[in-house]
Structure formats: C-alpha cells, structure tokens
C-alpha cells in the first residue's frame, strides 16, 4: 500500500555532529525545480549528488557515492540505509534540498507503482526549533496528511508513490531547512 501510514520514521539515524559535512554535499547550492520529480513541483535550493536527473532513468548508481571524492560520508549513510532499511534496493539518485521562508513545496511524488521505488529522506539541519515549522507533509489516498517535523538526524523512509510536500520554514527561522534524499529502486524480490 502506498498509504502515508506506511512511513517509517527513525530518529537519530545520523549523529547530529556529522550533519554539517553531509549537508554541504559536492559543489554549491543551485536554485530551481529539481529534475526527476513527478507531479507539480516548485523551485527550491538543491545540490545534485549522484544518479540521473531524468525521471525516467532508473539505472542503479550504488558505487557512485563511494567513487566520488568528498562524498565518502554520504556513501556511509547510503550503506547504512541499504543495510538496515532497504536491503533489496539500489540507489537511483541522491541530492540535497533546502527551503527558506516563503518556499512551500508543491505536492509531488517520485515514482509510479510499477517503478518499485522508495525514498529515504534525512533531515540534515544541525538545529531545529519547534517554532521554525518546515514540516514534510505526506498525503494518504483520502488526501489526509501526516506531518513529519524536521528534527536533526531524523530519517523518513517511504514509498516513492506517496504524494508529499515540503512546508516552508517560519519567518523567524534563520537558516535553510535541509534534507538529503536517497531515491532507490527494488533490485531483488
């Protein structure tokens, strides 16, 4: 089922002290609509880390993070996700994204049911106060929603067909609300 109730939330998946190196990624932040999303999408800050930017490309890129200088810590996180949460999946793409006040994301999804994809979303802001908002909202089939707060080091694993949206941080939030997304496709049954 691709119901939002199938979300798996793992708190403290990554130690907060390691978040700054993970969130920096490779290169600088770009602003625009990140390619590879299905449905409506609004611009956001993002860093493409590996994999194809084409939404139709489902090639596996498990070795790219490991082979790219500067992305070893991201590869460690990916290996941990695969070993602990998704042993039958391979990495399709990975990217960082960020939102500031006024940047509500549009509802979108990552995959069709036949794609057999999951997404692991890791919240990488080193500090997040309750009043800063920035939740990720997941919709179920009845279009009701479940809201997940962006706690530092929290990981959410979900089916790629689930419709979701990023809510903007509050006006008094002084930083980007950052995440790392690991898109994966089933490679074994």
C-alpha atoms as a PDB file:
ATOM      1  CA  UNK A   1       0.000   0.000   0.000  1.00  0.00           C
ATOM      2  CA  UNK A   2       1.228   3.485  -0.731  1.00  0.00           C
ATOM      3  CA  UNK A   3      -0.689   4.988   2.170  1.00  0.00           C
ATOM      4  CA  UNK A   4       1.088   7.676   4.138  1.00  0.00           C
ATOM      5  CA  UNK A   5       0.586   5.490   7.202  1.00  0.00           C
ATOM      6  CA  UNK A   6       3.337   3.218   5.835  1.00  0.00           C
ATOM      7  CA  UNK A   7       6.000   5.813   6.674  1.00  0.00           C
ATOM      8  CA  UNK A   8       8.939   4.571   8.708  1.00  0.00           C
ATOM      9  CA  UNK A   9      10.489   7.253  10.930  1.00  0.00           C
ATOM     10  CA  UNK A  10      13.891   6.635  12.523  1.00  0.00           C
ATOM     11  CA  UNK A  11      15.066   9.283  14.967  1.00  0.00           C
ATOM     12  CA  UNK A  12      18.813   9.879  15.402  1.00  0.00           C
ATOM     13  CA  UNK A  13      19.644   7.840  12.280  1.00  0.00           C
ATOM     14  CA  UNK A  14      22.736  10.043  11.899  1.00  0.00           C
ATOM     15  CA  UNK A  15      24.618  11.654  14.784  1.00  0.00           C
ATOM     16  CA  UNK A  16      23.969  15.400  14.743  1.00  0.00           C
ATOM     17  CA  UNK A  17      27.723  16.156  14.819  1.00  0.00           C
ATOM     18  CA  UNK A  18      28.059  14.603  11.336  1.00  0.00           C
ATOM     19  CA  UNK A  19      25.239  16.624   9.760  1.00  0.00           C
ATOM     20  CA  UNK A  20      27.280  19.663   8.601  1.00  0.00           C
ATOM     21  CA  UNK A  21      29.543  17.536   6.380  1.00  0.00           C
ATOM     22  CA  UNK A  22      26.553  15.663   4.951  1.00  0.00           C
ATOM     23  CA  UNK A  23      24.546  18.778   4.159  1.00  0.00           C
ATOM     24  CA  UNK A  24      27.397  20.506   2.322  1.00  0.00           C
ATOM     25  CA  UNK A  25      27.494  17.906  -0.455  1.00  0.00           C
ATOM     26  CA  UNK A  26      29.552  18.481  -3.586  1.00  0.00           C
ATOM     27  CA  UNK A  27      29.560  21.900  -5.185  1.00  0.00           C
ATOM     28  CA  UNK A  28      27.266  24.752  -4.320  1.00  0.00           C
ATOM     29  CA  UNK A  29      23.535  25.143  -3.991  1.00  0.00           C
ATOM     30  CA  UNK A  30      21.519  25.715  -7.181  1.00  0.00           C
ATOM     31  CA  UNK A  31      18.031  27.217  -7.260  1.00  0.00           C
ATOM     32  CA  UNK A  32      15.245  25.840  -9.455  1.00  0.00           C
ATOM     33  CA  UNK A  33      12.974  22.832  -9.918  1.00  0.00           C
ATOM     34  CA  UNK A  34      14.945  19.679  -9.197  1.00  0.00           C
ATOM     35  CA  UNK A  35      14.618  17.296 -12.154  1.00  0.00           C
ATOM     36  CA  UNK A  36      13.328  13.781 -11.574  1.00  0.00           C
ATOM     37  CA  UNK A  37      10.155  14.680  -9.660  1.00  0.00           C
ATOM     38  CA  UNK A  38       6.700  13.663 -10.858  1.00  0.00           C
ATOM     39  CA  UNK A  39       3.704  15.933 -10.448  1.00  0.00           C
ATOM     40  CA  UNK A  40       3.823  19.655  -9.805  1.00  0.00           C
ATOM     41  CA  UNK A  41       6.996  20.969  -8.225  1.00  0.00           C
ATOM     42  CA  UNK A  42       8.123  24.410  -7.158  1.00  0.00           C
ATOM     43  CA  UNK A  43      11.687  25.711  -7.172  1.00  0.00           C
ATOM     44  CA  UNK A  44      13.918  25.059  -4.187  1.00  0.00           C
ATOM     45  CA  UNK A  45      17.586  25.043  -3.335  1.00  0.00           C
ATOM     46  CA  UNK A  46      19.297  21.778  -4.268  1.00  0.00           C
ATOM     47  CA  UNK A  47      22.624  20.028  -4.839  1.00  0.00           C
ATOM     48  CA  UNK A  48      22.650  17.073  -7.242  1.00  0.00           C
ATOM     49  CA  UNK A  49      24.901  14.392  -5.741  1.00  0.00           C
ATOM     50  CA  UNK A  50      24.625  11.349  -7.989  1.00  0.00           C
ATOM     51  CA  UNK A  51      22.412   9.472 -10.412  1.00  0.00           C
ATOM     52  CA  UNK A  52      20.402  10.656 -13.359  1.00  0.00           C
ATOM     53  CA  UNK A  53      18.411  13.880 -13.375  1.00  0.00           C
ATOM     54  CA  UNK A  54      15.956  12.225 -15.803  1.00  0.00           C
ATOM     55  CA  UNK A  55      12.808  10.998 -14.030  1.00  0.00           C
ATOM     56  CA  UNK A  56      12.525   8.073 -16.460  1.00  0.00           C
ATOM     57  CA  UNK A  57      16.082   6.812 -15.835  1.00  0.00           C
ATOM     58  CA  UNK A  58      16.024   4.024 -13.258  1.00  0.00           C
ATOM     59  CA  UNK A  59      19.671   2.931 -13.550  1.00  0.00           C
ATOM     60  CA  UNK A  60      21.371   1.910 -10.298  1.00  0.00           C
ATOM     61  CA  UNK A  61      24.244   4.082  -9.071  1.00  0.00           C
ATOM     62  CA  UNK A  62      25.280   2.294  -5.856  1.00  0.00           C
ATOM     63  CA  UNK A  63      29.003   2.801  -6.448  1.00  0.00           C
ATOM     64  CA  UNK A  64      28.958   6.482  -7.458  1.00  0.00           C
ATOM     65  CA  UNK A  65      28.977   7.979  -3.953  1.00  0.00           C
ATOM     66  CA  UNK A  66      31.833   5.682  -2.950  1.00  0.00           C
ATOM     67  CA  UNK A  67      33.846   6.554  -6.073  1.00  0.00           C
ATOM     68  CA  UNK A  68      33.386  10.334  -5.847  1.00  0.00           C
ATOM     69  CA  UNK A  69      35.972  12.234  -3.775  1.00  0.00           C
ATOM     70  CA  UNK A  70      34.333  14.202  -0.978  1.00  0.00           C
ATOM     71  CA  UNK A  71      31.180  12.060  -0.832  1.00  0.00           C
ATOM     72  CA  UNK A  72      32.501   9.249   1.384  1.00  0.00           C
ATOM     73  CA  UNK A  73      30.335  10.302   4.344  1.00  0.00           C
ATOM     74  CA  UNK A  74      27.236  10.265   2.106  1.00  0.00           C
ATOM     75  CA  UNK A  75      28.215   6.802   0.915  1.00  0.00           C
ATOM     76  CA  UNK A  76      28.396   5.683   4.561  1.00  0.00           C
ATOM     77  CA  UNK A  77      24.840   6.952   5.129  1.00  0.00           C
ATOM     78  CA  UNK A  78      23.617   5.212   1.953  1.00  0.00           C
ATOM     79  CA  UNK A  79      25.251   1.915   3.007  1.00  0.00           C
ATOM     80  CA  UNK A  80      23.601   2.217   6.428  1.00  0.00           C
ATOM     81  CA  UNK A  81      20.180   2.872   4.818  1.00  0.00           C
ATOM     82  CA  UNK A  82      20.581  -0.091   2.461  1.00  0.00           C
ATOM     83  CA  UNK A  83      21.823  -2.490   5.139  1.00  0.00           C
ATOM     84  CA  UNK A  84      19.314  -1.519   7.837  1.00  0.00           C
ATOM     85  CA  UNK A  85      16.178  -0.460   5.961  1.00  0.00           C
ATOM     86  CA  UNK A  86      16.275  -1.395   2.262  1.00  0.00           C
ATOM     87  CA  UNK A  87      18.468  -4.444   1.549  1.00  0.00           C
ATOM     88  CA  UNK A  88      16.661  -5.249  -1.727  1.00  0.00           C
ATOM     89  CA  UNK A  89      17.087  -1.755  -3.191  1.00  0.00           C
ATOM     90  CA  UNK A  90      19.727   0.041  -5.253  1.00  0.00           C
ATOM     91  CA  UNK A  91      20.423   3.776  -5.380  1.00  0.00           C
ATOM     92  CA  UNK A  92      18.849   5.647  -8.324  1.00  0.00           C
ATOM     93  CA  UNK A  93      19.781   9.230  -7.344  1.00  0.00           C
ATOM     94  CA  UNK A  94      20.790  11.296  -4.340  1.00  0.00           C
ATOM     95  CA  UNK A  95      20.504  15.030  -3.756  1.00  0.00           C
ATOM     96  CA  UNK A  96      20.332  17.646  -1.041  1.00  0.00           C
ATOM     97  CA  UNK A  97      17.488  20.144  -0.928  1.00  0.00           C
ATOM     98  CA  UNK A  98      16.713  23.191   1.135  1.00  0.00           C
ATOM     99  CA  UNK A  99      13.854  25.606   1.750  1.00  0.00           C
ATOM    100  CA  UNK A 100      13.711  29.058   3.301  1.00  0.00           C
ATOM    101  CA  UNK A 101      10.733  31.110   4.456  1.00  0.00           C
ATOM    102  CA  UNK A 102       8.174  31.547   1.663  1.00  0.00           C
ATOM    103  CA  UNK A 103       9.251  28.413  -0.238  1.00  0.00           C
ATOM    104  CA  UNK A 104       6.390  25.998   0.269  1.00  0.00           C
ATOM    105  CA  UNK A 105       6.842  22.987  -1.963  1.00  0.00           C
ATOM    106  CA  UNK A 106       4.041  21.796  -4.239  1.00  0.00           C
ATOM    107  CA  UNK A 107       2.550  18.344  -3.750  1.00  0.00           C
ATOM    108  CA  UNK A 108       4.507  15.828  -5.821  1.00  0.00           C
ATOM    109  CA  UNK A 109       5.623  12.218  -5.908  1.00  0.00           C
ATOM    110  CA  UNK A 110       8.725  10.443  -7.125  1.00  0.00           C
ATOM    111  CA  UNK A 111       7.528   7.286  -8.824  1.00  0.00           C
ATOM    112  CA  UNK A 112       4.737   5.255 -10.371  1.00  0.00           C
ATOM    113  CA  UNK A 113       3.759   1.978  -8.644  1.00  0.00           C
ATOM    114  CA  UNK A 114       5.485  -0.055 -11.371  1.00  0.00           C
ATOM    115  CA  UNK A 115       8.800   1.681 -10.578  1.00  0.00           C
ATOM    116  CA  UNK A 116       9.010  -0.081  -7.189  1.00  0.00           C
ATOM    117  CA  UNK A 117      10.865   2.827  -5.622  1.00  0.00           C
ATOM    118  CA  UNK A 118      11.370   4.045  -2.094  1.00  0.00           C
ATOM    119  CA  UNK A 119      12.819   7.286  -0.816  1.00  0.00           C
ATOM    120  CA  UNK A 120      14.866   7.857   2.329  1.00  0.00           C
ATOM    121  CA  UNK A 121      14.687  11.488   3.452  1.00  0.00           C
ATOM    122  CA  UNK A 122      17.265  12.553   6.045  1.00  0.00           C
ATOM    123  CA  UNK A 123      16.857  15.883   7.863  1.00  0.00           C
ATOM    124  CA  UNK A 124      20.307  17.494   7.959  1.00  0.00           C
ATOM    125  CA  UNK A 125      19.819  20.845   9.710  1.00  0.00           C
ATOM    126  CA  UNK A 126      22.000  20.754  12.852  1.00  0.00           C
ATOM    127  CA  UNK A 127      19.405  22.585  14.936  1.00  0.00           C
ATOM    128  CA  UNK A 128      15.647  22.844  14.541  1.00  0.00           C
ATOM    129  CA  UNK A 129      13.370  24.702  16.951  1.00  0.00           C
ATOM    130  CA  UNK A 130       9.689  23.861  17.331  1.00  0.00           C
ATOM    131  CA  UNK A 131       8.565  27.296  16.126  1.00  0.00           C
ATOM    132  CA  UNK A 132      10.532  27.088  12.871  1.00  0.00           C
ATOM    133  CA  UNK A 133       7.913  24.907  11.068  1.00  0.00           C
ATOM    134  CA  UNK A 134       9.378  23.327   7.878  1.00  0.00           C
ATOM    135  CA  UNK A 135       7.485  20.031   8.172  1.00  0.00           C
ATOM    136  CA  UNK A 136       7.219  17.476   5.401  1.00  0.00           C
ATOM    137  CA  UNK A 137       3.575  16.608   4.732  1.00  0.00           C
ATOM    138  CA  UNK A 138       2.629  13.171   3.359  1.00  0.00           C
ATOM    139  CA  UNK A 139      -0.847  12.578   1.903  1.00  0.00           C
ATOM    140  CA  UNK A 140      -2.801   9.327   2.021  1.00  0.00           C
ATOM    141  CA  UNK A 141      -5.348   8.107  -0.540  1.00  0.00           C
ATOM    142  CA  UNK A 142      -8.129  10.163   1.131  1.00  0.00           C
ATOM    143  CA  UNK A 143      -5.868  13.261   0.814  1.00  0.00           C
ATOM    144  CA  UNK A 144      -5.492  13.470   4.589  1.00  0.00           C
ATOM    145  CA  UNK A 145      -1.982  14.241   5.725  1.00  0.00           C
ATOM    146  CA  UNK A 146       0.665  13.163   8.163  1.00  0.00           C
ATOM    147  CA  UNK A 147       3.189  15.834   9.089  1.00  0.00           C
ATOM    148  CA  UNK A 148       6.791  14.951   9.963  1.00  0.00           C
ATOM    149  CA  UNK A 149       8.889  17.526  11.797  1.00  0.00           C
ATOM    150  CA  UNK A 150      12.455  18.137  10.547  1.00  0.00           C
ATOM    151  CA  UNK A 151      14.362  17.007  13.626  1.00  0.00           C
ATOM    152  CA  UNK A 152      18.148  16.876  13.146  1.00  0.00           C
ATOM    153  CA  UNK A 153      19.302  13.372  12.170  1.00  0.00           C
ATOM    154  CA  UNK A 154      15.753  12.036  11.639  1.00  0.00           C
ATOM    155  CA  UNK A 155      15.204   9.756   8.645  1.00  0.00           C
ATOM    156  CA  UNK A 156      11.860   9.021   6.972  1.00  0.00           C
ATOM    157  CA  UNK A 157      11.564   6.037   4.628  1.00  0.00           C
ATOM    158  CA  UNK A 158       8.542   5.987   2.321  1.00  0.00           C
ATOM    159  CA  UNK A 159       7.172   4.540  -0.892  1.00  0.00           C
ATOM    160  CA  UNK A 160       8.008   6.736  -3.886  1.00  0.00           C
ATOM    161  CA  UNK A 161       4.354   6.837  -4.960  1.00  0.00           C
ATOM    162  CA  UNK A 162       3.255   8.711  -1.828  1.00  0.00           C
ATOM    163  CA  UNK A 163       2.381  12.336  -2.568  1.00  0.00           C
ATOM    164  CA  UNK A 164       4.292  14.745  -0.368  1.00  0.00           C
ATOM    165  CA  UNK A 165       5.068  18.444   0.024  1.00  0.00           C
ATOM    166  CA  UNK A 166       7.670  20.435   1.920  1.00  0.00           C
ATOM    167  CA  UNK A 167       6.321  23.218   4.080  1.00  0.00           C
ATOM    168  CA  UNK A 168       8.329  26.422   4.338  1.00  0.00           C
ATOM    169  CA  UNK A 169      10.204  27.348   7.473  1.00  0.00           C
ATOM    170  CA  UNK A 170       8.691  30.115   9.604  1.00  0.00           C
ATOM    171  CA  UNK A 171       9.630  33.756   9.063  1.00  0.00           C
ATOM    172  CA  UNK A 172      11.917  33.824  12.117  1.00  0.00           C
ATOM    173  CA  UNK A 173      13.877  30.710  11.052  1.00  0.00           C
ATOM    174  CA  UNK A 174      17.429  31.955  10.319  1.00  0.00           C
ATOM    175  CA  UNK A 175      18.565  29.043   8.145  1.00  0.00           C
ATOM    176  CA  UNK A 176      17.714  26.641   5.332  1.00  0.00           C
ATOM    177  CA  UNK A 177      15.649  23.600   6.243  1.00  0.00           C
ATOM    178  CA  UNK A 178      17.889  20.965   4.629  1.00  0.00           C
ATOM    179  CA  UNK A 179      17.383  17.330   3.707  1.00  0.00           C
ATOM    180  CA  UNK A 180      19.202  14.591   1.848  1.00  0.00           C
ATOM    181  CA  UNK A 181      17.073  12.403  -0.405  1.00  0.00           C
ATOM    182  CA  UNK A 182      18.124   8.918  -1.467  1.00  0.00           C
ATOM    183  CA  UNK A 183      15.871   7.502  -4.218  1.00  0.00           C
ATOM    184  CA  UNK A 184      16.105   3.747  -4.531  1.00  0.00           C
ATOM    185  CA  UNK A 185      14.604   1.045  -6.733  1.00  0.00           C
ATOM    186  CA  UNK A 186      13.901  -2.591  -5.880  1.00  0.00           C
ATOM    187  CA  UNK A 187      16.522  -4.820  -7.463  1.00  0.00           C
ATOM    188  CA  UNK A 188      15.676  -8.147  -5.773  1.00  0.00           C
ATOM    189  CA  UNK A 189      12.416  -9.753  -4.717  1.00  0.00           C
END
